[in-house]
C-alpha atoms as a PDB file:
ATOM      1  CA  UNK A   1     -17.801 -30.437  -6.754  1.00  0.00           C
ATOM      2  CA  UNK A   2     -17.818 -28.589  -3.513  1.00  0.00           C
ATOM      3  CA  UNK A   3     -14.304 -30.083  -2.735  1.00  0.00           C
ATOM      4  CA  UNK A   4     -13.086 -28.710  -5.849  1.00  0.00           C
ATOM      5  CA  UNK A   5     -14.349 -25.256  -5.384  1.00  0.00           C
ATOM      6  CA  UNK A   6     -12.967 -25.250  -1.791  1.00  0.00           C
ATOM      7  CA  UNK A   7      -9.455 -26.229  -3.494  1.00  0.00           C
ATOM      8  CA  UNK A   8     -10.018 -23.347  -6.017  1.00  0.00           C
ATOM      9  CA  UNK A   9     -10.444 -21.222  -2.914  1.00  0.00           C
ATOM     10  CA  UNK A  10      -7.097 -22.311  -1.104  1.00  0.00           C
ATOM     11  CA  UNK A  11      -5.257 -21.732  -4.118  1.00  0.00           C
ATOM     12  CA  UNK A  12      -6.215 -18.008  -4.469  1.00  0.00           C
ATOM     13  CA  UNK A  13      -4.759 -17.619  -0.914  1.00  0.00           C
ATOM     14  CA  UNK A  14      -1.380 -17.180  -2.487  1.00  0.00           C
ATOM     15  CA  UNK A  15       0.190 -15.497  -5.563  1.00  0.00           C
ATOM     16  CA  UNK A  16      -0.046 -16.496  -8.793  1.00  0.00           C
ATOM     17  CA  UNK A  17       2.163 -19.208  -9.393  1.00  0.00           C
ATOM     18  CA  UNK A  18       5.196 -17.879 -11.363  1.00  0.00           C
ATOM     19  CA  UNK A  19       7.291 -21.799 -11.808  1.00  0.00           C
ATOM     20  CA  UNK A  20       5.745 -22.597 -14.796  1.00  0.00           C
ATOM     21  CA  UNK A  21       6.610 -19.872 -16.867  1.00  0.00           C
ATOM     22  CA  UNK A  22       9.948 -20.546 -16.754  1.00  0.00           C
ATOM     23  CA  UNK A  23      12.087 -23.115 -18.515  1.00  0.00           C
ATOM     24  CA  UNK A  24      13.127 -26.144 -16.503  1.00  0.00           C
ATOM     25  CA  UNK A  25      16.698 -25.898 -15.122  1.00  0.00           C
ATOM     26  CA  UNK A  26      17.244 -22.319 -15.419  1.00  0.00           C
ATOM     27  CA  UNK A  27      18.620 -20.359 -12.404  1.00  0.00           C
ATOM     28  CA  UNK A  28      15.525 -18.421 -11.928  1.00  0.00           C
ATOM     29  CA  UNK A  29      13.102 -21.342 -12.083  1.00  0.00           C
ATOM     30  CA  UNK A  30      15.551 -22.705  -9.011  1.00  0.00           C
ATOM     31  CA  UNK A  31      14.477 -19.215  -7.362  1.00  0.00           C
ATOM     32  CA  UNK A  32      11.136 -19.067  -7.492  1.00  0.00           C
ATOM     33  CA  UNK A  33      10.775 -22.577  -6.764  1.00  0.00           C
ATOM     34  CA  UNK A  34      12.107 -21.622  -3.400  1.00  0.00           C
ATOM     35  CA  UNK A  35       9.885 -19.030  -2.622  1.00  0.00           C
ATOM     36  CA  UNK A  36       6.983 -20.894  -4.317  1.00  0.00           C
ATOM     37  CA  UNK A  37       7.395 -23.588  -1.508  1.00  0.00           C
ATOM     38  CA  UNK A  38       6.740 -21.029   0.851  1.00  0.00           C
ATOM     39  CA  UNK A  39       3.715 -19.687  -0.563  1.00  0.00           C
ATOM     40  CA  UNK A  40       2.089 -22.588  -1.528  1.00  0.00           C
ATOM     41  CA  UNK A  41       2.153 -23.937   1.821  1.00  0.00           C
ATOM     42  CA  UNK A  42       0.978 -21.119   3.701  1.00  0.00           C
ATOM     43  CA  UNK A  43      -2.605 -22.585   3.693  1.00  0.00           C
ATOM     44  CA  UNK A  44      -2.161 -25.717   5.284  1.00  0.00           C
ATOM     45  CA  UNK A  45       1.076 -24.285   7.700  1.00  0.00           C
ATOM     46  CA  UNK A  46      -1.323 -21.752   9.439  1.00  0.00           C
ATOM     47  CA  UNK A  47      -3.860 -24.438  11.130  1.00  0.00           C
ATOM     48  CA  UNK A  48      -0.352 -26.221  12.090  1.00  0.00           C
ATOM     49  CA  UNK A  49       1.206 -23.491  13.737  1.00  0.00           C
ATOM     50  CA  UNK A  50      -1.318 -21.810  15.756  1.00  0.00           C
ATOM     51  CA  UNK A  51      -1.127 -24.732  18.795  1.00  0.00           C
ATOM     52  CA  UNK A  52       2.165 -23.650  19.039  1.00  0.00           C
ATOM     53  CA  UNK A  53       2.102 -20.049  18.656  1.00  0.00           C
ATOM     54  CA  UNK A  54       3.226 -17.694  21.857  1.00  0.00           C
ATOM     55  CA  UNK A  55       0.312 -16.568  23.917  1.00  0.00           C
ATOM     56  CA  UNK A  56      -0.250 -12.942  24.448  1.00  0.00           C
ATOM     57  CA  UNK A  57       1.137 -11.328  27.474  1.00  0.00           C
ATOM     58  CA  UNK A  58       0.067  -8.052  29.059  1.00  0.00           C
ATOM     59  CA  UNK A  59      -3.129  -6.396  28.103  1.00  0.00           C
ATOM     60  CA  UNK A  60      -5.258  -8.628  25.805  1.00  0.00           C
ATOM     61  CA  UNK A  61      -5.815  -6.966  22.559  1.00  0.00           C
ATOM     62  CA  UNK A  62      -9.508  -6.621  21.644  1.00  0.00           C
ATOM     63  CA  UNK A  63     -11.343  -9.318  20.053  1.00  0.00           C
ATOM     64  CA  UNK A  64     -12.951  -8.830  16.667  1.00  0.00           C
ATOM     65  CA  UNK A  65     -16.068 -11.647  16.120  1.00  0.00           C
ATOM     66  CA  UNK A  66     -16.239 -12.549  12.551  1.00  0.00           C
ATOM     67  CA  UNK A  67     -17.564 -10.244  10.042  1.00  0.00           C
ATOM     68  CA  UNK A  68     -18.144  -7.574  12.503  1.00  0.00           C
ATOM     69  CA  UNK A  69     -19.656  -4.379  11.393  1.00  0.00           C
ATOM     70  CA  UNK A  70     -18.676  -3.227   7.722  1.00  0.00           C
ATOM     71  CA  UNK A  71     -15.327  -4.803   7.479  1.00  0.00           C
ATOM     72  CA  UNK A  72     -14.834  -7.260   4.737  1.00  0.00           C
ATOM     73  CA  UNK A  73     -12.526 -10.280   5.527  1.00  0.00           C
ATOM     74  CA  UNK A  74      -9.911  -9.943   2.689  1.00  0.00           C
ATOM     75  CA  UNK A  75      -8.027 -13.178   0.911  1.00  0.00           C
ATOM     76  CA  UNK A  76      -4.397 -12.714   0.140  1.00  0.00           C
ATOM     77  CA  UNK A  77      -4.853 -13.101  -3.316  1.00  0.00           C
ATOM     78  CA  UNK A  78      -7.563 -10.374  -3.400  1.00  0.00           C
ATOM     79  CA  UNK A  79      -4.237  -8.185  -2.833  1.00  0.00           C
ATOM     80  CA  UNK A  80      -3.064  -9.211  -6.342  1.00  0.00           C
ATOM     81  CA  UNK A  81      -4.508  -7.430  -9.547  1.00  0.00           C
ATOM     82  CA  UNK A  82      -6.685  -9.560 -11.444  1.00  0.00           C
ATOM     83  CA  UNK A  83      -4.798  -8.233 -14.848  1.00  0.00           C
ATOM     84  CA  UNK A  84      -1.308  -8.450 -13.696  1.00  0.00           C
ATOM     85  CA  UNK A  85       1.193 -10.658 -15.518  1.00  0.00           C
ATOM     86  CA  UNK A  86       4.253 -11.489 -13.588  1.00  0.00           C
ATOM     87  CA  UNK A  87       5.196 -13.580 -16.522  1.00  0.00           C
ATOM     88  CA  UNK A  88       6.005 -10.824 -18.910  1.00  0.00           C
ATOM     89  CA  UNK A  89       8.456  -9.391 -16.302  1.00  0.00           C
ATOM     90  CA  UNK A  90      10.039 -13.096 -15.977  1.00  0.00           C
ATOM     91  CA  UNK A  91      10.930 -13.405 -19.602  1.00  0.00           C
ATOM     92  CA  UNK A  92      13.603 -10.549 -18.951  1.00  0.00           C
ATOM     93  CA  UNK A  93      15.289 -12.567 -16.158  1.00  0.00           C
ATOM     94  CA  UNK A  94      16.128 -15.408 -18.301  1.00  0.00           C
ATOM     95  CA  UNK A  95      19.263 -14.839 -20.489  1.00  0.00           C
ATOM     96  CA  UNK A  96      19.818 -17.277 -22.822  1.00  0.00           C
ATOM     97  CA  UNK A  97      22.128 -20.440 -22.032  1.00  0.00           C
ATOM     98  CA  UNK A  98      20.854 -20.063 -18.405  1.00  0.00           C
ATOM     99  CA  UNK A  99      18.885 -22.919 -18.461  1.00  0.00           C
ATOM    100  CA  UNK A 100      22.358 -25.311 -18.841  1.00  0.00           C
ATOM    101  CA  UNK A 101      24.010 -23.779 -15.886  1.00  0.00           C
ATOM    102  CA  UNK A 102      23.960 -25.503 -12.538  1.00  0.00           C
ATOM    103  CA  UNK A 103      22.262 -23.676  -9.979  1.00  0.00           C
ATOM    104  CA  UNK A 104      25.060 -22.103  -7.106  1.00  0.00           C
ATOM    105  CA  UNK A 105      23.551 -19.401  -4.595  1.00  0.00           C
ATOM    106  CA  UNK A 106      27.130 -18.267  -4.380  1.00  0.00           C
ATOM    107  CA  UNK A 107      27.642 -17.844  -8.322  1.00  0.00           C
ATOM    108  CA  UNK A 108      27.827 -14.430 -10.017  1.00  0.00           C
ATOM    109  CA  UNK A 109      24.778 -15.606 -12.203  1.00  0.00           C
ATOM    110  CA  UNK A 110      22.803 -16.822  -9.388  1.00  0.00           C
ATOM    111  CA  UNK A 111      23.380 -13.866  -7.345  1.00  0.00           C
ATOM    112  CA  UNK A 112      22.572 -11.604 -10.556  1.00  0.00           C
ATOM    113  CA  UNK A 113      18.873 -13.307 -11.293  1.00  0.00           C
ATOM    114  CA  UNK A 114      18.287 -13.014  -7.436  1.00  0.00           C
ATOM    115  CA  UNK A 115      18.545  -9.301  -7.418  1.00  0.00           C
ATOM    116  CA  UNK A 116      16.703  -9.019 -10.502  1.00  0.00           C
ATOM    117  CA  UNK A 117      13.855 -11.282  -9.541  1.00  0.00           C
ATOM    118  CA  UNK A 118      13.899  -9.093  -5.783  1.00  0.00           C
ATOM    119  CA  UNK A 119      13.684  -5.602  -8.358  1.00  0.00           C
ATOM    120  CA  UNK A 120      10.503  -7.364  -9.708  1.00  0.00           C
ATOM    121  CA  UNK A 121       8.878  -8.489  -6.512  1.00  0.00           C
ATOM    122  CA  UNK A 122       9.634  -5.163  -4.708  1.00  0.00           C
ATOM    123  CA  UNK A 123       7.535  -3.487  -7.549  1.00  0.00           C
ATOM    124  CA  UNK A 124       4.867  -5.770  -7.873  1.00  0.00           C
ATOM    125  CA  UNK A 125       1.451  -3.634  -8.633  1.00  0.00           C
ATOM    126  CA  UNK A 126      -1.270  -3.413  -5.705  1.00  0.00           C
ATOM    127  CA  UNK A 127      -5.106  -4.100  -6.347  1.00  0.00           C
ATOM    128  CA  UNK A 128      -6.268  -0.103  -6.520  1.00  0.00           C
ATOM    129  CA  UNK A 129      -9.537  -1.525  -5.762  1.00  0.00           C
ATOM    130  CA  UNK A 130      -8.966  -1.894  -2.504  1.00  0.00           C
ATOM    131  CA  UNK A 131      -7.691   1.432  -1.396  1.00  0.00           C
ATOM    132  CA  UNK A 132      -9.699   2.911   1.305  1.00  0.00           C
ATOM    133  CA  UNK A 133     -11.312  -0.654   2.120  1.00  0.00           C
ATOM    134  CA  UNK A 134     -12.381  -1.760   5.361  1.00  0.00           C
ATOM    135  CA  UNK A 135     -10.551  -4.649   5.745  1.00  0.00           C
ATOM    136  CA  UNK A 136     -10.083  -7.640   8.407  1.00  0.00           C
ATOM    137  CA  UNK A 137      -6.909  -9.583   6.925  1.00  0.00           C
ATOM    138  CA  UNK A 138      -5.300 -12.709   8.815  1.00  0.00           C
ATOM    139  CA  UNK A 139      -0.995 -13.219   8.869  1.00  0.00           C
ATOM    140  CA  UNK A 140       2.047 -13.362  10.490  1.00  0.00           C
ATOM    141  CA  UNK A 141       3.728 -10.245  12.464  1.00  0.00           C
ATOM    142  CA  UNK A 142       7.140  -9.141  11.506  1.00  0.00           C
ATOM    143  CA  UNK A 143       8.122  -6.264  13.986  1.00  0.00           C
ATOM    144  CA  UNK A 144       9.127  -3.317  12.787  1.00  0.00           C
ATOM    145  CA  UNK A 145       9.059  -0.490  15.817  1.00  0.00           C
ATOM    146  CA  UNK A 146       8.469  -1.536  19.499  1.00  0.00           C
ATOM    147  CA  UNK A 147       9.322   0.257  22.764  1.00  0.00           C
ATOM    148  CA  UNK A 148       8.512  -0.319  26.188  1.00  0.00           C
ATOM    149  CA  UNK A 149       4.751   0.707  25.696  1.00  0.00           C
ATOM    150  CA  UNK A 150       4.501  -2.376  22.970  1.00  0.00           C
ATOM    151  CA  UNK A 151       4.738  -2.879  19.376  1.00  0.00           C
ATOM    152  CA  UNK A 152       3.459   0.152  17.283  1.00  0.00           C
ATOM    153  CA  UNK A 153       4.126  -0.636  13.826  1.00  0.00           C
ATOM    154  CA  UNK A 154       4.848  -4.209  12.071  1.00  0.00           C
ATOM    155  CA  UNK A 155       4.535  -6.186   8.950  1.00  0.00           C
ATOM    156  CA  UNK A 156       1.563  -8.571   7.862  1.00  0.00           C
ATOM    157  CA  UNK A 157       2.860 -11.841   5.904  1.00  0.00           C
ATOM    158  CA  UNK A 158       1.073 -14.250   4.518  1.00  0.00           C
ATOM    159  CA  UNK A 159       2.979 -17.393   5.837  1.00  0.00           C
ATOM    160  CA  UNK A 160       5.003 -18.297   8.893  1.00  0.00           C
ATOM    161  CA  UNK A 161       8.817 -17.373   8.510  1.00  0.00           C
ATOM    162  CA  UNK A 162       8.368 -14.571   5.509  1.00  0.00           C
ATOM    163  CA  UNK A 163      11.231 -11.883   5.945  1.00  0.00           C
ATOM    164  CA  UNK A 164      12.626 -13.777   8.872  1.00  0.00           C
ATOM    165  CA  UNK A 165      13.680 -17.103   7.854  1.00  0.00           C
ATOM    166  CA  UNK A 166      12.611 -16.903   4.296  1.00  0.00           C
ATOM    167  CA  UNK A 167      12.877 -13.899   1.858  1.00  0.00           C
ATOM    168  CA  UNK A 168      10.196 -11.448   1.392  1.00  0.00           C
ATOM    169  CA  UNK A 169       7.534 -12.244  -0.782  1.00  0.00           C
ATOM    170  CA  UNK A 170       6.048  -9.595  -3.404  1.00  0.00           C
ATOM    171  CA  UNK A 171       5.374  -6.369  -2.321  1.00  0.00           C
ATOM    172  CA  UNK A 172       1.486  -6.789  -3.063  1.00  0.00           C
ATOM    173  CA  UNK A 173       1.739  -9.772  -0.209  1.00  0.00           C
ATOM    174  CA  UNK A 174       3.417  -7.170   2.225  1.00  0.00           C
ATOM    175  CA  UNK A 175       1.010  -5.343   4.385  1.00  0.00           C
ATOM    176  CA  UNK A 176       2.263  -2.386   6.772  1.00  0.00           C
ATOM    177  CA  UNK A 177       0.566  -2.162   9.774  1.00  0.00           C
ATOM    178  CA  UNK A 178       0.342   0.775  12.137  1.00  0.00           C
ATOM    179  CA  UNK A 179      -1.445   0.291  15.345  1.00  0.00           C
ATOM    180  CA  UNK A 180      -3.762   3.692  17.055  1.00  0.00           C
ATOM    181  CA  UNK A 181      -1.763   2.722  20.031  1.00  0.00           C
ATOM    182  CA  UNK A 182       1.251   0.411  21.063  1.00  0.00           C
ATOM    183  CA  UNK A 183       0.063  -2.770  22.352  1.00  0.00           C
ATOM    184  CA  UNK A 184       2.002  -5.151  24.511  1.00  0.00           C
ATOM    185  CA  UNK A 185       2.488  -9.152  24.297  1.00  0.00           C
ATOM    186  CA  UNK A 186       2.361  -9.431  20.349  1.00  0.00           C
ATOM    187  CA  UNK A 187       5.537 -11.596  18.999  1.00  0.00           C
ATOM    188  CA  UNK A 188       7.585 -11.913  15.937  1.00  0.00           C
ATOM    189  CA  UNK A 189       5.428 -14.796  13.942  1.00  0.00           C
ATOM    190  CA  UNK A 190       2.289 -14.524  15.900  1.00  0.00           C
ATOM    191  CA  UNK A 191      -1.021 -15.401  13.810  1.00  0.00           C
ATOM    192  CA  UNK A 192      -3.367 -12.236  14.139  1.00  0.00           C
ATOM    193  CA  UNK A 193      -6.138 -11.005  13.039  1.00  0.00           C
ATOM    194  CA  UNK A 194      -6.283  -7.294  11.817  1.00  0.00           C
ATOM    195  CA  UNK A 195      -8.847  -4.910  11.215  1.00  0.00           C
ATOM    196  CA  UNK A 196      -8.607  -1.287  10.212  1.00  0.00           C
ATOM    197  CA  UNK A 197      -8.501   0.888   6.418  1.00  0.00           C
ATOM    198  CA  UNK A 198      -6.265  -0.467   3.968  1.00  0.00           C
ATOM    199  CA  UNK A 199      -4.443   2.167   1.421  1.00  0.00           C
ATOM    200  CA  UNK A 200      -2.143   0.995  -1.144  1.00  0.00           C
ATOM    201  CA  UNK A 201       0.858   2.790  -0.499  1.00  0.00           C
ATOM    202  CA  UNK A 202       4.161   1.628  -1.050  1.00  0.00           C
ATOM    203  CA  UNK A 203       6.821   1.406   1.694  1.00  0.00           C
ATOM    204  CA  UNK A 204      10.505   0.128   1.952  1.00  0.00           C
ATOM    205  CA  UNK A 205      11.970  -1.535   5.256  1.00  0.00           C
ATOM    206  CA  UNK A 206      14.943  -3.620   6.696  1.00  0.00           C
ATOM    207  CA  UNK A 207      12.468  -6.365   6.750  1.00  0.00           C
ATOM    208  CA  UNK A 208      10.928  -6.037   3.143  1.00  0.00           C
ATOM    209  CA  UNK A 209       8.903  -3.681   0.789  1.00  0.00           C
ATOM    210  CA  UNK A 210       5.132  -3.390   1.353  1.00  0.00           C
ATOM    211  CA  UNK A 211       2.371  -2.669  -1.217  1.00  0.00           C
ATOM    212  CA  UNK A 212      -0.180  -2.144   1.621  1.00  0.00           C
ATOM    213  CA  UNK A 213      -0.568   0.091   4.657  1.00  0.00           C
ATOM    214  CA  UNK A 214      -3.410  -0.605   7.200  1.00  0.00           C
ATOM    215  CA  UNK A 215      -4.326   1.313   9.840  1.00  0.00           C
ATOM    216  CA  UNK A 216      -5.425  -0.836  12.305  1.00  0.00           C
ATOM    217  CA  UNK A 217      -8.304  -0.244  14.848  1.00  0.00           C
ATOM    218  CA  UNK A 218      -8.089  -3.835  16.415  1.00  0.00           C
ATOM    219  CA  UNK A 219      -6.169  -6.473  16.665  1.00  0.00           C
ATOM    220  CA  UNK A 220      -6.733 -10.429  17.886  1.00  0.00           C
ATOM    221  CA  UNK A 221      -5.287 -14.344  18.099  1.00  0.00           C
ATOM    222  CA  UNK A 222      -6.200 -15.962  14.935  1.00  0.00           C
ATOM    223  CA  UNK A 223      -8.913 -17.879  14.878  1.00  0.00           C
ATOM    224  CA  UNK A 224     -10.597 -19.981  12.095  1.00  0.00           C
END
């Protein structure tokens, strides 16, 4: 019984599964399958990637012990509103006849559906209840603003390769992190814990649209 509960918790780490709402063989189903694969694998990939994550260089970031102070550990699934129905939006992305078409990334149909799906994900709603929450959140680093002084801003994403090797996840699964001061030694796709105040602020960047902003007071290498 306990194992079943643990499995449910792992599923909650990812966004709601969208694939089941789309007819088999449709173009949008193919697109969703590719995106969902990364999301589903995230809880299992994280422990495997940690041993080969780049080590920090220069001044090490402050270590954040688990559950320090009033900061609450937040799961990525909590960033998605419970009342959000992604299926309603996906209905419009399944034009009649698309189920019979073969999937081709370069086809006009696939490109159009991909653009529409991107639009839906970029406007994915956030959980307003978390606005102003003191949060401790794990994830992977996607650098945004960096200088000789170090990294100042980055996107925090829930699975390895997001926004770099694979398309960005929905906006409610991307957090824009702003550090109090630049930090050296933090590299792209480092696995980290970030501590700070979470705000529901939507922001676009070349790497993806984030639905949250986190003013970070501390950052540390990820440890289970």
